[in-house]
Amino acid sequence: PEKDSSIVETRRSPEANNQVYFIDTSGALCSRSAGHAID
């Protein structure tokens, strides 16, 4: 279940970062909280 409903970064709790992702410069899907890629 969603831990933080805000989509504005400055309003979000850091504890919800394990539900946030990004695409890094190599094209890998990564976890924001862990900093590691998804396999």
All heavy atoms as atom14 arrays in JSON, in Angstrom:
{
  "sequence": "PEKDSSIVETRRSPEANNQVYFIDTSGALCSRSAGHAID",
  "atom14_mask": [
    [1, 1, 1, 1, 1, 1, 1, 0, 0, 0, 0, 0, 0, 0],
    [1, 1, 1, 1, 1, 1, 1, 1, 1, 0, 0, 0, 0, 0],
    [1, 1, 1, 1, 1, 1, 1, 1, 1, 0, 0, 0, 0, 0],
    [1, 1, 1, 1, 1, 1, 1, 1, 0, 0, 0, 0, 0, 0],
    [1, 1, 1, 1, 1, 1, 0, 0, 0, 0, 0, 0, 0, 0],
    [1, 1, 1, 1, 1, 1, 0, 0, 0, 0, 0, 0, 0, 0],
    [1, 1, 1, 1, 1, 1, 1, 1, 0, 0, 0, 0, 0, 0],
    [1, 1, 1, 1, 1, 1, 1, 0, 0, 0, 0, 0, 0, 0],
    [1, 1, 1, 1, 1, 1, 1, 1, 1, 0, 0, 0, 0, 0],
    [1, 1, 1, 1, 1, 1, 1, 0, 0, 0, 0, 0, 0, 0],
    [1, 1, 1, 1, 1, 1, 1, 1, 1, 1, 1, 0, 0, 0],
    [1, 1, 1, 1, 1, 1, 1, 1, 1, 1, 1, 0, 0, 0],
    [1, 1, 1, 1, 1, 1, 0, 0, 0, 0, 0, 0, 0, 0],
    [1, 1, 1, 1, 1, 1, 1, 0, 0, 0, 0, 0, 0, 0],
    [1, 1, 1, 1, 1, 1, 1, 1, 1, 0, 0, 0, 0, 0],
    [1, 1, 1, 1, 1, 0, 0, 0, 0, 0, 0, 0, 0, 0],
    [1, 1, 1, 1, 1, 1, 1, 1, 0, 0, 0, 0, 0, 0],
    [1, 1, 1, 1, 1, 1, 1, 1, 0, 0, 0, 0, 0, 0],
    [1, 1, 1, 1, 1, 1, 1, 1, 1, 0, 0, 0, 0, 0],
    [1, 1, 1, 1, 1, 1, 1, 0, 0, 0, 0, 0, 0, 0],
    [1, 1, 1, 1, 1, 1, 1, 1, 1, 1, 1, 1, 0, 0],
    [1, 1, 1, 1, 1, 1, 1, 1, 1, 1, 1, 0, 0, 0],
    [1, 1, 1, 1, 1, 1, 1, 1, 0, 0, 0, 0, 0, 0],
    [1, 1, 1, 1, 1, 1, 1, 1, 0, 0, 0, 0, 0, 0],
    [1, 1, 1, 1, 1, 1, 1, 0, 0, 0, 0, 0, 0, 0],
    [1, 1, 1, 1, 1, 1, 0, 0, 0, 0, 0, 0, 0, 0],
    [1, 1, 1, 1, 0, 0, 0, 0, 0, 0, 0, 0, 0, 0],
    [1, 1, 1, 1, 1, 0, 0, 0, 0, 0, 0, 0, 0, 0],
    [1, 1, 1, 1, 1, 1, 1, 1, 0, 0, 0, 0, 0, 0],
    [1, 1, 1, 1, 1, 1, 0, 0, 0, 0, 0, 0, 0, 0],
    [1, 1, 1, 1, 1, 1, 0, 0, 0, 0, 0, 0, 0, 0],
    [1, 1, 1, 1, 1, 1, 1, 1, 1, 1, 1, 0, 0, 0],
    [1, 1, 1, 1, 1, 1, 0, 0, 0, 0, 0, 0, 0, 0],
    [1, 1, 1, 1, 1, 0, 0, 0, 0, 0, 0, 0, 0, 0],
    [1, 1, 1, 1, 0, 0, 0, 0, 0, 0, 0, 0, 0, 0],
    [1, 1, 1, 1, 1, 1, 1, 1, 1, 1, 0, 0, 0, 0],
    [1, 1, 1, 1, 1, 0, 0, 0, 0, 0, 0, 0, 0, 0],
    [1, 1, 1, 1, 1, 1, 1, 1, 0, 0, 0, 0, 0, 0],
    [1, 1, 1, 1, 1, 1, 1, 1, 0, 0, 0, 0, 0, 0]
  ],
  "atom14_positions": [
    [[0.82, -1.22, 0.0], [0.0, 0.0, 0.0], [0.85, 1.26, 0.0], [1.96, 1.29, 0.53], [-0.8, -0.13, 1.3], [-0.89, -1.6, 1.54], [0.42, -2.16, 1.07], [0.0, 0.0, 0.0], [0.0, 0.0, 0.0], [0.0, 0.0, 0.0], [0.0, 0.0, 0.0], [0.0, 0.0, 0.0], [0.0, 0.0, 0.0], [0.0, 0.0, 0.0]],
    [[0.32, 2.3, -0.6], [1.04, 3.56, -0.73], [1.38, 4.14, 0.64], [0.53, 4.24, 1.51], [0.17, 4.55, -1.51], [0.83, 5.83, -1.9], [-0.04, 6.65, -2.82], [-1.24, 6.8, -2.53], [0.47, 7.15, -3.84], [0.0, 0.0, 0.0], [0.0, 0.0, 0.0], [0.0, 0.0, 0.0], [0.0, 0.0, 0.0], [0.0, 0.0, 0.0]],
    [[2.64, 4.53, 0.82], [3.09, 5.07, 2.11], [2.99, 6.6, 2.17], [2.98, 7.17, 3.26], [4.54, 4.63, 2.35], [4.69, 3.13, 2.49], [6.15, 2.69, 2.45], [6.92, 3.15, 3.68], [8.3, 2.59, 3.69], [0.0, 0.0, 0.0], [0.0, 0.0, 0.0], [0.0, 0.0, 0.0], [0.0, 0.0, 0.0], [0.0, 0.0, 0.0]],
    [[2.97, 7.26, 1.01], [2.88, 8.72, 0.97], [2.14, 9.1, -0.3], [2.58, 8.73, -1.4], [4.26, 9.36, 1.0], [4.22, 10.85, 1.3], [3.3, 11.53, 0.8], [5.1, 11.33, 2.03], [0.0, 0.0, 0.0], [0.0, 0.0, 0.0], [0.0, 0.0, 0.0], [0.0, 0.0, 0.0], [0.0, 0.0, 0.0], [0.0, 0.0, 0.0]],
    [[1.03, 9.8, -0.18], [0.19, 10.09, -1.34], [0.62, 11.34, -2.1], [0.13, 11.59, -3.2], [-1.28, 10.25, -0.9], [-1.4, 11.32, 0.03], [0.0, 0.0, 0.0], [0.0, 0.0, 0.0], [0.0, 0.0, 0.0], [0.0, 0.0, 0.0], [0.0, 0.0, 0.0], [0.0, 0.0, 0.0], [0.0, 0.0, 0.0], [0.0, 0.0, 0.0]],
    [[1.53, 12.13, -1.55], [1.95, 13.35, -2.23], [2.88, 13.0, -3.39], [3.7, 12.09, -3.31], [2.69, 14.28, -1.26], [3.19, 15.41, -1.95], [0.0, 0.0, 0.0], [0.0, 0.0, 0.0], [0.0, 0.0, 0.0], [0.0, 0.0, 0.0], [0.0, 0.0, 0.0], [0.0, 0.0, 0.0], [0.0, 0.0, 0.0], [0.0, 0.0, 0.0]],
    [[2.75, 13.75, -4.5], [3.65, 13.56, -5.63], [4.63, 14.73, -5.74], [5.34, 14.87, -6.73], [2.9, 13.38, -6.96], [2.04, 14.61, -7.27], [2.05, 12.12, -6.92], [1.44, 14.56, -8.67], [0.0, 0.0, 0.0], [0.0, 0.0, 0.0], [0.0, 0.0, 0.0], [0.0, 0.0, 0.0], [0.0, 0.0, 0.0], [0.0, 0.0, 0.0]],
    [[4.66, 15.58, -4.71], [5.61, 16.69, -4.64], [6.76, 16.26, -3.73], [6.54, 15.93, -2.56], [4.95, 17.97, -4.1], [5.96, 19.12, -4.03], [3.76, 18.36, -4.97], [0.0, 0.0, 0.0], [0.0, 0.0, 0.0], [0.0, 0.0, 0.0], [0.0, 0.0, 0.0], [0.0, 0.0, 0.0], [0.0, 0.0, 0.0], [0.0, 0.0, 0.0]],
    [[7.96, 16.26, -4.28], [9.1, 15.73, -3.54], [9.32, 16.39, -2.18], [9.63, 15.73, -1.19], [10.37, 15.86, -4.38], [10.42, 14.88, -5.54], [11.81, 14.74, -6.09], [12.73, 14.46, -5.29], [12.0, 14.92, -7.3], [0.0, 0.0, 0.0], [0.0, 0.0, 0.0], [0.0, 0.0, 0.0], [0.0, 0.0, 0.0], [0.0, 0.0, 0.0]],
    [[9.15, 17.72, -2.12], [9.41, 18.42, -0.87], [8.38, 18.09, 0.2], [8.61, 18.38, 1.38], [9.43, 19.94, -1.12], [8.19, 20.34, -1.74], [10.59, 20.32, -2.02], [0.0, 0.0, 0.0], [0.0, 0.0, 0.0], [0.0, 0.0, 0.0], [0.0, 0.0, 0.0], [0.0, 0.0, 0.0], [0.0, 0.0, 0.0], [0.0, 0.0, 0.0]],
    [[7.27, 17.52, -0.18], [6.23, 17.18, 0.78], [6.25, 15.7, 1.19], [5.52, 15.3, 2.09], [4.84, 17.51, 0.2], [4.61, 18.99, -0.07], [3.23, 19.22, -0.67], [2.97, 20.61, -0.91], [2.45, 21.46, -0.02], [2.13, 21.01, 1.19], [2.23, 22.73, -0.33], [0.0, 0.0, 0.0], [0.0, 0.0, 0.0], [0.0, 0.0, 0.0]],
    [[7.05, 14.92, 0.53], [7.06, 13.49, 0.78], [7.99, 13.11, 1.93], [9.03, 13.75, 2.16], [7.49, 12.71, -0.47], [6.46, 12.75, -1.59], [6.97, 12.0, -2.81], [7.23, 10.59, -2.52], [6.31, 9.63, -2.57], [5.06, 9.93, -2.89], [6.62, 8.37, -2.3], [0.0, 0.0, 0.0], [0.0, 0.0, 0.0], [0.0, 0.0, 0.0]],
    [[7.64, 12.04, 2.63], [8.48, 11.52, 3.71], [9.62, 10.71, 3.12], [9.41, 9.88, 2.21], [7.65, 10.64, 4.64], [8.48, 9.89, 5.51], [0.0, 0.0, 0.0], [0.0, 0.0, 0.0], [0.0, 0.0, 0.0], [0.0, 0.0, 0.0], [0.0, 0.0, 0.0], [0.0, 0.0, 0.0], [0.0, 0.0, 0.0], [0.0, 0.0, 0.0]],
    [[10.84, 10.88, 3.62], [11.96, 10.06, 3.15], [11.73, 8.57, 3.37], [12.33, 7.73, 2.68], [13.15, 10.57, 3.97], [12.76, 11.96, 4.39], [11.28, 11.91, 4.58], [0.0, 0.0, 0.0], [0.0, 0.0, 0.0], [0.0, 0.0, 0.0], [0.0, 0.0, 0.0], [0.0, 0.0, 0.0], [0.0, 0.0, 0.0], [0.0, 0.0, 0.0]],
    [[10.86, 8.23, 4.33], [10.58, 6.82, 4.61], [9.82, 6.15, 3.47], [9.72, 4.92, 3.44], [9.78, 6.7, 5.9], [10.56, 7.16, 7.14], [9.75, 7.03, 8.41], [8.56, 6.65, 8.31], [10.29, 7.29, 9.49], [0.0, 0.0, 0.0], [0.0, 0.0, 0.0], [0.0, 0.0, 0.0], [0.0, 0.0, 0.0], [0.0, 0.0, 0.0]],
    [[9.29, 6.95, 2.54], [8.56, 6.39, 1.4], [9.44, 6.24, 0.16], [8.95, 5.86, -0.9], [7.36, 7.28, 1.06], [0.0, 0.0, 0.0], [0.0, 0.0, 0.0], [0.0, 0.0, 0.0], [0.0, 0.0, 0.0], [0.0, 0.0, 0.0], [0.0, 0.0, 0.0], [0.0, 0.0, 0.0], [0.0, 0.0, 0.0], [0.0, 0.0, 0.0]],
    [[10.75, 6.51, 0.3], [11.64, 6.44, -0.86], [11.83, 5.02, -1.39], [12.31, 4.83, -2.51], [13.0, 7.05, -0.53], [12.98, 8.56, -0.58], [12.05, 9.17, -1.13], [13.98, 9.19, 0.01], [0.0, 0.0, 0.0], [0.0, 0.0, 0.0], [0.0, 0.0, 0.0], [0.0, 0.0, 0.0], [0.0, 0.0, 0.0], [0.0, 0.0, 0.0]],
    [[11.48, 4.0, -0.59], [11.59, 2.64, -1.1], [10.45, 2.3, -2.06], [10.38, 1.18, -2.57], [11.65, 1.62, 0.04], [10.36, 1.55, 0.83], [9.7, 2.57, 1.05], [10.0, 0.35, 1.25], [0.0, 0.0, 0.0], [0.0, 0.0, 0.0], [0.0, 0.0, 0.0], [0.0, 0.0, 0.0], [0.0, 0.0, 0.0], [0.0, 0.0, 0.0]],
    [[9.57, 3.28, -2.31], [8.53, 3.12, -3.32], [8.76, 4.07, -4.51], [7.86, 4.3, -5.31], [7.15, 3.37, -2.71], [6.77, 2.36, -1.64], [5.37, 2.55, -1.1], [4.82, 3.66, -1.11], [4.76, 1.47, -0.64], [0.0, 0.0, 0.0], [0.0, 0.0, 0.0], [0.0, 0.0, 0.0], [0.0, 0.0, 0.0], [0.0, 0.0, 0.0]],
    [[9.97, 4.59, -4.6], [10.31, 5.54, -5.65], [11.44, 4.97, -6.51], [12.38, 4.35, -5.99], [10.74, 6.9, -5.05], [11.13, 7.89, -6.16], [9.62, 7.48, -4.19], [0.0, 0.0, 0.0], [0.0, 0.0, 0.0], [0.0, 0.0, 0.0], [0.0, 0.0, 0.0], [0.0, 0.0, 0.0], [0.0, 0.0, 0.0], [0.0, 0.0, 0.0]],
    [[11.37, 5.23, -7.84], [12.32, 4.64, -8.78], [12.79, 5.68, -9.79], [12.22, 6.77, -9.91], [11.69, 3.44, -9.49], [11.26, 2.4, -8.49], [10.0, 2.48, -7.89], [12.12, 1.39, -8.1], [9.62, 1.56, -6.91], [11.74, 0.47, -7.13], [10.5, 0.56, -6.54], [10.14, -0.32, -5.57], [0.0, 0.0, 0.0], [0.0, 0.0, 0.0]],
    [[13.83, 5.32, -10.54], [14.33, 6.19, -11.6], [15.09, 5.34, -12.61], [15.48, 4.2, -12.32], [15.23, 7.29, -11.04], [16.51, 6.78, -10.41], [17.71, 6.74, -11.13], [16.53, 6.36, -9.08], [18.88, 6.27, -10.55], [17.71, 5.89, -8.49], [18.89, 5.84, -9.23], [0.0, 0.0, 0.0], [0.0, 0.0, 0.0], [0.0, 0.0, 0.0]],
    [[15.29, 5.89, -13.81], [16.11, 5.25, -14.83], [17.47, 5.92, -14.79], [17.58, 7.14, -14.95], [15.49, 5.39, -16.23], [14.1, 4.75, -16.28], [16.4, 4.76, -17.28], [14.08, 3.25, -16.08], [0.0, 0.0, 0.0], [0.0, 0.0, 0.0], [0.0, 0.0, 0.0], [0.0, 0.0, 0.0], [0.0, 0.0, 0.0], [0.0, 0.0, 0.0]],
    [[18.54, 5.13, -14.59], [19.87, 5.73, -14.49], [20.48, 5.94, -15.87], [19.85, 5.65, -16.91], [20.78, 4.92, -13.57], [21.24, 3.6, -14.19], [20.9, 3.32, -15.36], [21.96, 2.85, -13.51], [0.0, 0.0, 0.0], [0.0, 0.0, 0.0], [0.0, 0.0, 0.0], [0.0, 0.0, 0.0], [0.0, 0.0, 0.0], [0.0, 0.0, 0.0]],
    [[21.71, 6.45, -15.91], [22.34, 6.81, -17.18], [22.66, 5.6, -18.06], [22.91, 5.75, -19.26], [23.63, 7.61, -16.92], [24.48, 6.85, -16.04], [23.31, 8.95, -16.28], [0.0, 0.0, 0.0], [0.0, 0.0, 0.0], [0.0, 0.0, 0.0], [0.0, 0.0, 0.0], [0.0, 0.0, 0.0], [0.0, 0.0, 0.0], [0.0, 0.0, 0.0]],
    [[22.65, 4.39, -17.48], [22.88, 3.19, -18.28], [21.58, 2.61, -18.81], [21.59, 1.64, -19.57], [23.6, 2.12, -17.43], [22.72, 1.56, -16.46], [0.0, 0.0, 0.0], [0.0, 0.0, 0.0], [0.0, 0.0, 0.0], [0.0, 0.0, 0.0], [0.0, 0.0, 0.0], [0.0, 0.0, 0.0], [0.0, 0.0, 0.0], [0.0, 0.0, 0.0]],
    [[20.45, 3.19, -18.39], [19.15, 2.7, -18.82], [18.53, 1.69, -17.88], [17.48, 1.12, -18.18], [0.0, 0.0, 0.0], [0.0, 0.0, 0.0], [0.0, 0.0, 0.0], [0.0, 0.0, 0.0], [0.0, 0.0, 0.0], [0.0, 0.0, 0.0], [0.0, 0.0, 0.0], [0.0, 0.0, 0.0], [0.0, 0.0, 0.0], [0.0, 0.0, 0.0]],
    [[19.15, 1.45, -16.71], [18.63, 0.48, -15.74], [17.56, 1.11, -14.86], [17.64, 2.29, -14.51], [19.76, -0.07, -14.88], [0.0, 0.0, 0.0], [0.0, 0.0, 0.0], [0.0, 0.0, 0.0], [0.0, 0.0, 0.0], [0.0, 0.0, 0.0], [0.0, 0.0, 0.0], [0.0, 0.0, 0.0], [0.0, 0.0, 0.0], [0.0, 0.0, 0.0]],
    [[16.56, 0.31, -14.49], [15.55, 0.74, -13.52], [16.15, 0.6, -12.13], [16.67, -0.47, -11.78], [14.3, -0.13, -13.66], [13.16, 0.14, -12.67], [12.58, 1.54, -12.85], [12.06, -0.92, -12.83], [0.0, 0.0, 0.0], [0.0, 0.0, 0.0], [0.0, 0.0, 0.0], [0.0, 0.0, 0.0], [0.0, 0.0, 0.0], [0.0, 0.0, 0.0]],
    [[16.1, 1.67, -11.33], [16.78, 1.69, -10.03], [15.84, 2.13, -8.91], [14.89, 2.88, -9.12], [17.99, 2.62, -10.07], [19.22, 2.21, -11.31], [0.0, 0.0, 0.0], [0.0, 0.0, 0.0], [0.0, 0.0, 0.0], [0.0, 0.0, 0.0], [0.0, 0.0, 0.0], [0.0, 0.0, 0.0], [0.0, 0.0, 0.0], [0.0, 0.0, 0.0]],
    [[16.16, 1.67, -7.7], [15.46, 2.07, -6.5], [16.09, 3.34, -5.94], [17.32, 3.42, -5.81], [15.52, 0.95, -5.44], [15.26, 1.45, -4.15], [0.0, 0.0, 0.0], [0.0, 0.0, 0.0], [0.0, 0.0, 0.0], [0.0, 0.0, 0.0], [0.0, 0.0, 0.0], [0.0, 0.0, 0.0], [0.0, 0.0, 0.0], [0.0, 0.0, 0.0]],
    [[15.27, 4.32, -5.59], [15.8, 5.56, -5.02], [16.4, 5.31, -3.64], [17.48, 5.82, -3.33], [14.7, 6.61, -4.92], [15.2, 7.92, -4.33], [14.13, 8.99, -4.32], [14.68, 10.28, -3.89], [14.0, 11.42, -3.86], [12.73, 11.44, -4.26], [14.58, 12.53, -3.45], [0.0, 0.0, 0.0], [0.0, 0.0, 0.0], [0.0, 0.0, 0.0]],
    [[15.72, 4.55, -2.81], [16.19, 4.36, -1.44], [17.47, 3.53, -1.38], [18.4, 3.85, -0.64], [15.1, 3.69, -0.59], [14.78, 2.4, -1.09], [0.0, 0.0, 0.0], [0.0, 0.0, 0.0], [0.0, 0.0, 0.0], [0.0, 0.0, 0.0], [0.0, 0.0, 0.0], [0.0, 0.0, 0.0], [0.0, 0.0, 0.0], [0.0, 0.0, 0.0]],
    [[17.55, 2.49, -2.15], [18.72, 1.59, -2.12], [19.83, 2.11, -3.02], [21.01, 1.85, -2.76], [18.31, 0.18, -2.53], [0.0, 0.0, 0.0], [0.0, 0.0, 0.0], [0.0, 0.0, 0.0], [0.0, 0.0, 0.0], [0.0, 0.0, 0.0], [0.0, 0.0, 0.0], [0.0, 0.0, 0.0], [0.0, 0.0, 0.0], [0.0, 0.0, 0.0]],
    [[19.47, 2.8, -4.1], [20.46, 3.25, -5.05], [20.93, 2.16, -6.0], [21.82, 2.38, -6.82], [0.0, 0.0, 0.0], [0.0, 0.0, 0.0], [0.0, 0.0, 0.0], [0.0, 0.0, 0.0], [0.0, 0.0, 0.0], [0.0, 0.0, 0.0], [0.0, 0.0, 0.0], [0.0, 0.0, 0.0], [0.0, 0.0, 0.0], [0.0, 0.0, 0.0]],
    [[20.32, 0.97, -5.9], [20.73, -0.16, -6.72], [19.71, -0.43, -7.83], [18.55, -0.02, -7.75], [20.91, -1.41, -5.87], [21.96, -1.27, -4.82], [23.29, -1.02, -5.13], [21.9, -1.33, -3.46], [24.0, -0.93, -4.02], [23.18, -1.12, -2.99], [0.0, 0.0, 0.0], [0.0, 0.0, 0.0], [0.0, 0.0, 0.0], [0.0, 0.0, 0.0]],
    [[20.15, -1.16, -8.84], [19.29, -1.48, -9.97], [18.36, -2.64, -9.64], [18.54, -3.35, -8.64], [20.15, -1.82, -11.19], [0.0, 0.0, 0.0], [0.0, 0.0, 0.0], [0.0, 0.0, 0.0], [0.0, 0.0, 0.0], [0.0, 0.0, 0.0], [0.0, 0.0, 0.0], [0.0, 0.0, 0.0], [0.0, 0.0, 0.0], [0.0, 0.0, 0.0]],
    [[17.36, -2.82, -10.5], [16.41, -3.91, -10.37], [16.78, -5.0, -11.37], [17.04, -4.72, -12.54], [14.96, -3.43, -10.63], [14.65, -2.18, -9.8], [13.97, -4.55, -10.32], [14.83, -2.34, -8.31], [0.0, 0.0, 0.0], [0.0, 0.0, 0.0], [0.0, 0.0, 0.0], [0.0, 0.0, 0.0], [0.0, 0.0, 0.0], [0.0, 0.0, 0.0]],
    [[16.78, -6.24, -10.9], [17.12, -7.39, -11.74], [15.98, -8.41, -11.65], [15.09, -8.3, -10.79], [18.43, -8.0, -11.24], [19.05, -8.99, -12.23], [18.55, -9.08, -13.38], [20.03, -9.67, -11.86], [0.0, 0.0, 0.0], [0.0, 0.0, 0.0], [0.0, 0.0, 0.0], [0.0, 0.0, 0.0], [0.0, 0.0, 0.0], [0.0, 0.0, 0.0]]
  ]
}
